[in-house]
């Protein structure tokens, strides 16, 4: 779209290894592609990268500035850079732990000095915020021309808990790769799982993922499915590793041996490329998210799983309740090993039921591809820029 407004995206950014950085890169790439451009080739889609480091990363040409999270002066400098640019709109990606200051207050320094309209994507909307969290998020919302969230529940929270006008909020799906629907067997050899029934959980590893419950469930599943393999794909979250080292992963590995699962659980302790991730997902028979708390309002990992045509068994966190509704997956109670094991076994035992759930999820996910998501953002940017 040659008439698309110039845009700055403010977010963590690749090569930083976090879900938000990956989201921002995929969003920028999809927007540039929708405009018939190559990302970084011109200034139509540019990036201000949030960094926790004092030294600069090896960013792509689209990154025009780096903000060190703990430096208030960097937020002011970034605002002045954007103000002096030809950009018509700023896309701010808001997540807790990204911005400096108490409860991320430094982002308000950026917004206060900015003279461009802002569309803020809220990746987390807390149902029970602490007073300062509520105060900061309300101020971010007040200073934004529009807000994008990835679930209807998040929109509901904004209007009922944060006093945001309903007409200021737009639900735009988390983008996903566009992958054809198909069986898992052709991809299993590539991930070293030929002839096995494959379960998968992927993403940065934290205690909140509840993987210990999935391991206990796997011990109950194994007698009926002795060739099954559970792959846990992803590095430990950098913030967890910095504070606690590999204590959680080590506890999981000890549990594997204690439960007699050493030939049935595989840890892939690294951050994989998109192509490799898609291969793992396409090799999967059943995707599992045993998260511990309901307060997760978005999940790129779950979005990617359904977009790759996978049947899912999940605990009922907010995003899963919405995405897996209407027979698009199976929900089990939090921390309930027996229920998790029962439904994993049911879906592994009944190919038709598993295929039915997978197909319903996949068909729903067609509205979530990066091209569709980027088009929805473009519509919102045009609306905001034209006010």
Protein backbone atom coordinates (compact mmCIF):
# COMPACT_ATOMS: atom_id res chain seq x y z
CA UNK A 1 0.00 0.00 0.00
CA UNK A 2 1.91 3.01 -1.28
CA UNK A 3 -0.38 5.35 0.65
CA UNK A 4 0.29 3.60 3.97
CA UNK A 5 1.40 6.01 6.69
CA UNK A 6 5.03 5.97 7.74
CA UNK A 7 5.43 3.96 10.92
CA UNK A 8 7.75 3.52 13.88
CA UNK A 9 7.44 0.33 15.95
CA UNK A 10 8.73 0.62 19.53
CA UNK A 11 9.52 -2.76 21.04
CA UNK A 12 12.21 -5.21 21.99
CA UNK A 13 13.55 -6.55 18.72
CA UNK A 14 15.57 -9.37 17.15
CA UNK A 15 18.25 -10.55 17.63
CA UNK A 16 17.04 -10.29 21.25
CA UNK A 17 15.52 -13.65 22.13
CA UNK A 18 12.10 -13.04 23.60
CA UNK A 19 8.57 -13.50 22.36
CA UNK A 20 7.91 -9.76 22.05
CA UNK A 21 11.04 -9.21 19.95
CA UNK A 22 9.97 -11.99 17.60
CA UNK A 23 6.44 -10.58 17.44
CA UNK A 24 7.73 -7.11 16.54
CA UNK A 25 10.02 -8.46 13.83
CA UNK A 26 7.26 -10.57 12.27
CA UNK A 27 4.84 -7.66 12.46
CA UNK A 28 7.35 -5.30 10.81
CA UNK A 29 8.11 -7.86 8.09
CA UNK A 30 4.42 -8.47 7.37
CA UNK A 31 3.66 -4.75 7.23
CA UNK A 32 6.55 -4.13 4.84
CA UNK A 33 5.49 -7.07 2.65
CA UNK A 34 1.92 -5.78 2.58
CA UNK A 35 3.27 -2.46 1.34
CA UNK A 36 5.25 -4.19 -1.39
CA UNK A 37 8.56 -3.29 0.25
CA UNK A 38 11.57 -5.01 1.74
CA UNK A 39 11.96 -4.40 5.45
CA UNK A 40 14.78 -1.93 6.09
CA UNK A 41 15.01 -0.81 2.47
CA UNK A 42 13.32 2.52 3.19
CA UNK A 43 11.86 4.37 6.14
CA UNK A 44 8.23 3.31 5.69
CA UNK A 45 8.49 0.80 8.55
CA UNK A 46 11.18 1.67 11.10
CA UNK A 47 11.95 0.45 14.62
CA UNK A 48 13.02 1.85 17.97
CA UNK A 49 14.49 -1.15 19.79
CA UNK A 50 14.23 -1.47 23.56
CA UNK A 51 17.37 -2.98 25.06
CA UNK A 52 18.47 -4.20 28.47
CA UNK A 53 22.12 -3.96 27.37
CA UNK A 54 24.51 -1.06 27.42
CA UNK A 55 26.12 -2.13 24.14
CA UNK A 56 24.36 -2.14 20.80
CA UNK A 57 23.20 -5.42 19.26
CA UNK A 58 23.59 -6.30 15.59
CA UNK A 59 20.22 -4.95 14.47
CA UNK A 60 18.80 -4.78 10.97
CA UNK A 61 18.75 -1.56 8.95
CA UNK A 62 15.15 -0.89 10.00
CA UNK A 63 16.30 -0.17 13.58
CA UNK A 64 16.92 3.57 13.70
CA UNK A 65 17.42 3.98 17.46
CA UNK A 66 18.05 1.91 20.58
CA UNK A 67 16.59 2.80 23.98
CA UNK A 68 18.42 1.46 27.02
CA UNK A 69 15.58 0.55 29.35
CA UNK A 70 17.16 2.01 32.49
CA UNK A 71 18.15 5.35 30.92
CA UNK A 72 15.38 8.00 31.05
CA UNK A 73 17.30 10.26 28.65
CA UNK A 74 17.10 7.58 25.94
CA UNK A 75 13.29 7.72 25.97
CA UNK A 76 13.39 11.48 25.46
CA UNK A 77 15.92 11.17 22.63
CA UNK A 78 13.81 8.49 20.92
CA UNK A 79 10.71 10.69 21.09
CA UNK A 80 12.58 13.57 19.48
CA UNK A 81 13.91 11.27 16.75
CA UNK A 82 10.40 10.08 15.92
CA UNK A 83 9.00 13.62 16.09
CA UNK A 84 11.56 14.74 13.51
CA UNK A 85 10.82 11.85 11.15
CA UNK A 86 8.24 11.47 8.40
CA UNK A 87 6.40 8.79 10.38
CA UNK A 88 2.68 9.43 10.75
CA UNK A 89 1.98 6.79 13.42
CA UNK A 90 3.83 5.05 16.26
CA UNK A 91 3.10 1.41 17.13
CA UNK A 92 4.07 0.89 20.77
CA UNK A 93 4.37 -2.71 21.97
CA UNK A 94 3.66 -2.72 25.70
CA UNK A 95 4.70 -5.56 27.98
CA UNK A 96 5.68 -5.69 31.63
CA UNK A 97 9.41 -5.88 32.28
CA UNK A 98 10.37 -4.14 29.04
CA UNK A 99 10.44 -0.51 30.13
CA UNK A 100 12.53 0.97 32.94
CA UNK A 101 11.42 2.77 36.06
CA UNK A 102 9.03 1.51 38.70
CA UNK A 103 6.35 -0.61 36.96
CA UNK A 104 7.73 0.62 33.62
CA UNK A 105 7.05 4.33 34.19
CA UNK A 106 9.82 5.51 31.85
CA UNK A 107 7.61 4.72 28.84
CA UNK A 108 5.48 7.69 29.95
CA UNK A 109 8.49 9.99 29.39
CA UNK A 110 8.50 8.81 25.78
CA UNK A 111 4.76 9.28 25.34
CA UNK A 112 4.73 12.67 27.04
CA UNK A 113 7.19 14.13 24.53
CA UNK A 114 5.85 12.37 21.46
CA UNK A 115 3.93 14.48 18.93
CA UNK A 116 2.74 11.59 16.77
CA UNK A 117 -0.42 9.53 17.32
CA UNK A 118 0.21 6.21 19.07
CA UNK A 119 -1.41 2.82 18.61
CA UNK A 120 -0.43 0.70 21.62
CA UNK A 121 -0.58 -3.08 21.50
CA UNK A 122 -1.07 -4.44 25.02
CA UNK A 123 0.42 -7.91 25.31
CA UNK A 124 -0.61 -8.27 28.96
CA UNK A 125 -3.71 -6.83 30.65
CA UNK A 126 -3.80 -7.84 34.30
CA UNK A 127 -7.13 -8.73 35.88
CA UNK A 128 -5.80 -7.86 39.34
CA UNK A 129 -3.19 -5.14 38.86
CA UNK A 130 -1.30 -3.56 41.72
CA UNK A 131 -2.20 0.13 42.17
CA UNK A 132 0.94 1.41 40.42
CA UNK A 133 0.53 -1.07 37.56
CA UNK A 134 -3.02 0.12 37.05
CA UNK A 135 -1.95 3.76 37.21
CA UNK A 136 0.82 3.38 34.62
CA UNK A 137 -1.29 1.32 32.23
CA UNK A 138 -4.18 3.76 32.48
CA UNK A 139 -1.81 6.59 31.59
CA UNK A 140 -0.44 4.64 28.62
CA UNK A 141 -4.02 4.09 27.46
CA UNK A 142 -4.90 7.76 27.95
CA UNK A 143 -1.96 8.89 25.83
CA UNK A 144 -2.71 6.38 23.04
CA UNK A 145 -5.01 7.20 20.15
CA UNK A 146 -6.03 3.54 19.95
CA UNK A 147 -5.31 0.25 21.70
CA UNK A 148 -4.91 -3.21 20.20
CA UNK A 149 -5.32 -6.42 22.18
CA UNK A 150 -5.28 -10.07 21.10
CA UNK A 151 -8.36 -11.36 22.92
CA UNK A 152 -11.88 -10.20 23.68
CA UNK A 153 -11.21 -10.80 27.37
CA UNK A 154 -8.40 -8.23 27.30
CA UNK A 155 -10.77 -5.70 25.74
CA UNK A 156 -13.28 -6.44 28.48
CA UNK A 157 -10.66 -5.89 31.18
CA UNK A 158 -9.67 -2.54 29.69
CA UNK A 159 -13.21 -1.20 29.68
CA UNK A 160 -14.30 -2.58 33.05
CA UNK A 161 -11.11 -2.42 35.13
CA UNK A 162 -9.11 0.40 33.56
CA UNK A 163 -11.95 2.73 32.50
CA UNK A 164 -10.90 2.78 28.84
CA UNK A 165 -13.65 3.82 26.36
CA UNK A 166 -14.86 0.83 24.37
CA UNK A 167 -14.44 2.59 21.01
CA UNK A 168 -10.73 3.06 21.69
CA UNK A 169 -10.02 -0.71 21.74
CA UNK A 170 -9.54 -3.03 18.76
CA UNK A 171 -9.05 -6.80 18.93
CA UNK A 172 -6.40 -7.91 16.43
CA UNK A 173 -5.25 -11.52 16.46
CA UNK A 174 -1.67 -12.48 17.25
CA UNK A 175 -0.07 -13.12 13.87
CA UNK A 176 0.92 -16.64 12.83
CA UNK A 177 2.82 -18.29 9.98
CA UNK A 178 0.71 -19.47 7.04
CA UNK A 179 1.24 -23.25 7.07
CA UNK A 180 -0.73 -25.85 5.08
CA UNK A 181 -2.81 -28.36 7.00
CA UNK A 182 -1.45 -31.90 7.02
CA UNK A 183 -0.38 -34.94 8.97
CA UNK A 184 2.61 -35.18 11.27
CA UNK A 185 4.31 -38.33 9.97
CA UNK A 186 6.30 -36.74 7.09
CA UNK A 187 8.06 -34.37 9.52
CA UNK A 188 8.97 -36.68 12.37
CA UNK A 189 12.22 -37.95 10.93
CA UNK A 190 13.52 -34.38 10.70
CA UNK A 191 13.15 -33.97 14.48
CA UNK A 192 14.41 -37.44 15.38
CA UNK A 193 10.99 -38.86 16.25
CA UNK A 194 10.13 -41.22 13.39
CA UNK A 195 7.44 -43.74 14.35
CA UNK A 196 6.65 -42.04 17.66
CA UNK A 197 3.61 -40.20 18.98
CA UNK A 198 4.90 -36.70 19.63
CA UNK A 199 3.76 -34.25 22.28
CA UNK A 200 5.26 -30.77 22.28
CA UNK A 201 5.52 -27.66 24.44
CA UNK A 202 7.65 -24.80 23.16
CA UNK A 203 8.68 -21.32 24.24
CA UNK A 204 10.99 -19.75 26.78
CA UNK A 205 11.00 -21.93 29.89
CA UNK A 206 9.78 -20.51 33.22
CA UNK A 207 8.21 -22.08 36.33
CA UNK A 208 4.87 -20.52 35.28
CA UNK A 209 4.70 -23.02 32.40
CA UNK A 210 3.81 -25.84 34.84
CA UNK A 211 5.91 -28.40 32.97
CA UNK A 212 6.31 -30.52 36.09
CA UNK A 213 2.60 -31.38 35.84
CA UNK A 214 2.98 -32.38 32.19
CA UNK A 215 5.83 -34.71 33.18
CA UNK A 216 3.71 -36.37 35.86
CA UNK A 217 0.90 -36.76 33.33
CA UNK A 218 3.37 -38.28 30.88
CA UNK A 219 4.19 -40.96 33.43
CA UNK A 220 0.50 -41.92 33.46
CA UNK A 221 0.24 -41.82 29.66
CA UNK A 222 3.30 -43.98 29.02
CA UNK A 223 1.91 -47.46 29.86
CA UNK A 224 -0.77 -47.09 27.17
CA UNK A 225 1.53 -45.34 24.68
CA UNK A 226 5.03 -46.79 25.14
CA UNK A 227 6.42 -45.12 21.98
CA UNK A 228 5.30 -41.62 22.94
CA UNK A 229 7.80 -38.76 23.13
CA UNK A 230 7.34 -35.40 24.88
CA UNK A 231 9.57 -32.65 23.48
CA UNK A 232 10.16 -29.52 25.56
CA UNK A 233 11.51 -27.01 23.07
CA UNK A 234 13.09 -23.74 24.16
CA UNK A 235 15.77 -22.06 26.21
CA UNK A 236 15.25 -20.91 29.77
CA UNK A 237 13.85 -17.37 29.90
CA UNK A 238 16.82 -14.96 30.17
CA UNK A 239 15.33 -13.18 33.21
CA UNK A 240 14.86 -16.51 35.01
CA UNK A 241 18.34 -17.69 34.08
CA UNK A 242 19.89 -14.43 35.25
CA UNK A 243 18.23 -14.64 38.67
CA UNK A 244 17.99 -18.39 39.33
CA UNK A 245 20.28 -20.02 36.79
CA UNK A 246 18.96 -23.35 35.45
CA UNK A 247 17.38 -24.43 38.75
CA UNK A 248 13.91 -24.99 37.22
CA UNK A 249 15.16 -26.89 34.17
CA UNK A 250 17.40 -29.01 36.42
CA UNK A 251 14.40 -29.85 38.60
CA UNK A 252 12.51 -30.98 35.50
CA UNK A 253 15.40 -33.15 34.38
CA UNK A 254 15.57 -34.77 37.80
CA UNK A 255 11.83 -35.45 37.60
CA UNK A 256 12.29 -37.14 34.23
CA UNK A 257 14.66 -39.70 35.74
CA UNK A 258 12.64 -40.08 38.93
CA UNK A 259 9.53 -40.87 36.86
CA UNK A 260 11.36 -43.24 34.50
CA UNK A 261 10.82 -41.00 31.47
CA UNK A 262 14.41 -40.63 30.27
CA UNK A 263 13.62 -42.31 26.92
CA UNK A 264 10.35 -40.42 26.52
CA UNK A 265 11.15 -36.77 27.27
CA UNK A 266 13.57 -34.68 25.24
CA UNK A 267 14.77 -31.19 26.15
CA UNK A 268 15.83 -29.00 23.25
CA UNK A 269 17.53 -26.26 25.23
CA UNK A 270 17.87 -23.51 22.64
CA UNK A 271 16.04 -20.77 20.79
CA UNK A 272 15.15 -22.12 17.33
CA UNK A 273 14.53 -20.37 14.02
CA UNK A 274 11.00 -20.01 12.66
CA UNK A 275 11.61 -22.68 10.00
CA UNK A 276 12.85 -25.16 12.60
CA UNK A 277 9.99 -24.32 14.94
CA UNK A 278 7.43 -24.95 12.20
CA UNK A 279 9.07 -28.30 11.47
CA UNK A 280 8.76 -29.31 15.13
CA UNK A 281 5.14 -28.20 15.20
CA UNK A 282 4.26 -30.05 12.01
CA UNK A 283 5.86 -33.20 13.46
CA UNK A 284 3.65 -32.92 16.56
CA UNK A 285 0.56 -35.02 17.24
CA UNK A 286 -0.58 -33.16 20.35
CA UNK A 287 0.39 -29.76 21.70
CA UNK A 288 0.33 -29.23 25.48
CA UNK A 289 0.24 -26.01 27.55
CA UNK A 290 0.00 -26.87 31.27
CA UNK A 291 0.39 -23.28 32.47
CA UNK A 292 -0.30 -22.58 36.13
CA UNK A 293 -2.35 -19.35 36.18
CA UNK A 294 -5.30 -17.93 34.32
CA UNK A 295 -3.85 -14.43 33.89
CA UNK A 296 -2.15 -14.99 30.53
CA UNK A 297 -4.15 -12.93 28.06
CA UNK A 298 -2.11 -13.75 24.95
CA UNK A 299 0.18 -16.55 23.84
CA UNK A 300 2.18 -16.63 20.64
CA UNK A 301 3.10 -20.26 21.28
CA UNK A 302 -0.53 -21.36 21.45
CA UNK A 303 -1.42 -19.25 18.41
CA UNK A 304 1.38 -20.88 16.41
CA UNK A 305 0.30 -24.37 17.47
CA UNK A 306 -3.27 -24.00 16.21
CA UNK A 307 -2.02 -22.28 13.05
CA UNK A 308 0.05 -25.39 12.34
CA UNK A 309 -3.05 -27.56 12.66
CA UNK A 310 -2.34 -29.13 16.03
CA UNK A 311 -4.83 -30.52 18.53
CA UNK A 312 -4.21 -28.89 21.91
CA UNK A 313 -4.70 -29.88 25.53
CA UNK A 314 -4.33 -26.85 27.78
CA UNK A 315 -5.10 -25.41 31.17
CA UNK A 316 -7.79 -22.69 31.05
CA UNK A 317 -5.78 -19.47 31.09
CA UNK A 318 -7.65 -16.54 29.54
CA UNK A 319 -6.21 -16.77 26.04
CA UNK A 320 -6.64 -20.54 25.86
CA UNK A 321 -10.28 -20.29 26.93
CA UNK A 322 -10.97 -17.99 24.02
CA UNK A 323 -8.82 -19.51 21.30
CA UNK A 324 -9.78 -23.13 22.08
CA UNK A 325 -13.50 -22.47 22.53
CA UNK A 326 -16.11 -24.24 20.40
CA UNK A 327 -14.27 -27.60 20.17
CA UNK A 328 -11.01 -26.06 18.98
CA UNK A 329 -9.10 -27.76 21.81
CA UNK A 330 -9.48 -29.39 25.22
CA UNK A 331 -9.21 -27.53 28.53
CA UNK A 332 -8.26 -29.23 31.78
CA UNK A 333 -8.12 -27.78 35.32
CA UNK A 334 -4.95 -26.12 36.56
CA UNK A 335 -2.42 -28.44 38.25
CA UNK A 336 -4.63 -31.48 37.63
CA UNK A 337 -2.27 -34.21 36.48
CA UNK A 338 -4.96 -36.88 36.18
CA UNK A 339 -7.20 -34.78 33.93
CA UNK A 340 -4.24 -33.83 31.75
CA UNK A 341 -3.18 -37.47 31.40
CA UNK A 342 -6.75 -38.58 30.64
CA UNK A 343 -7.27 -36.14 27.77
CA UNK A 344 -3.82 -36.65 26.32
CA UNK A 345 -4.51 -40.38 26.28
CA UNK A 346 -8.00 -39.92 24.80
CA UNK A 347 -6.74 -37.83 21.91
CA UNK A 348 -3.74 -40.05 21.22
CA UNK A 349 -6.03 -43.10 21.22
CA UNK A 350 -8.68 -41.64 18.92
CA UNK A 351 -7.24 -40.32 15.66
CA UNK A 352 -10.60 -39.09 14.38
CA UNK A 353 -11.29 -37.02 17.50
CA UNK A 354 -7.79 -35.56 17.42
CA UNK A 355 -8.12 -34.71 13.72
CA UNK A 356 -11.53 -33.09 14.32
CA UNK A 357 -10.18 -30.79 17.05
CA UNK A 358 -7.07 -29.97 15.01
CA UNK A 359 -9.10 -29.11 11.90
CA UNK A 360 -11.47 -26.81 13.79
CA UNK A 361 -8.53 -24.99 15.36
CA UNK A 362 -6.73 -24.71 12.03
CA UNK A 363 -9.78 -23.37 10.19
CA UNK A 364 -10.24 -20.71 12.88
CA UNK A 365 -6.55 -19.77 12.64
CA UNK A 366 -6.85 -18.73 8.98
CA UNK A 367 -7.94 -15.30 10.24
CA UNK A 368 -4.73 -15.08 12.29
CA UNK A 369 -1.98 -15.28 9.65
CA UNK A 370 0.59 -12.48 9.68
CA UNK A 371 -0.81 -11.13 6.41
CA UNK A 372 -4.31 -10.86 7.93
CA UNK A 373 -3.00 -9.44 11.21
CA UNK A 374 -0.86 -6.84 9.40
CA UNK A 375 -3.81 -5.82 7.25
CA UNK A 376 -5.90 -5.23 10.38
CA UNK A 377 -3.11 -3.08 11.86
CA UNK A 378 -2.81 -1.13 8.59
CA UNK A 379 -6.52 -0.34 8.75
CA UNK A 380 -6.10 0.93 12.31
CA UNK A 381 -3.00 2.99 11.41
CA UNK A 382 -4.87 4.63 8.53
CA UNK A 383 -7.77 5.44 10.84
CA UNK A 384 -5.50 6.99 13.45
CA UNK A 385 -3.35 8.91 10.97
CA UNK A 386 -6.43 10.37 9.31
CA UNK A 387 -7.96 11.83 12.49
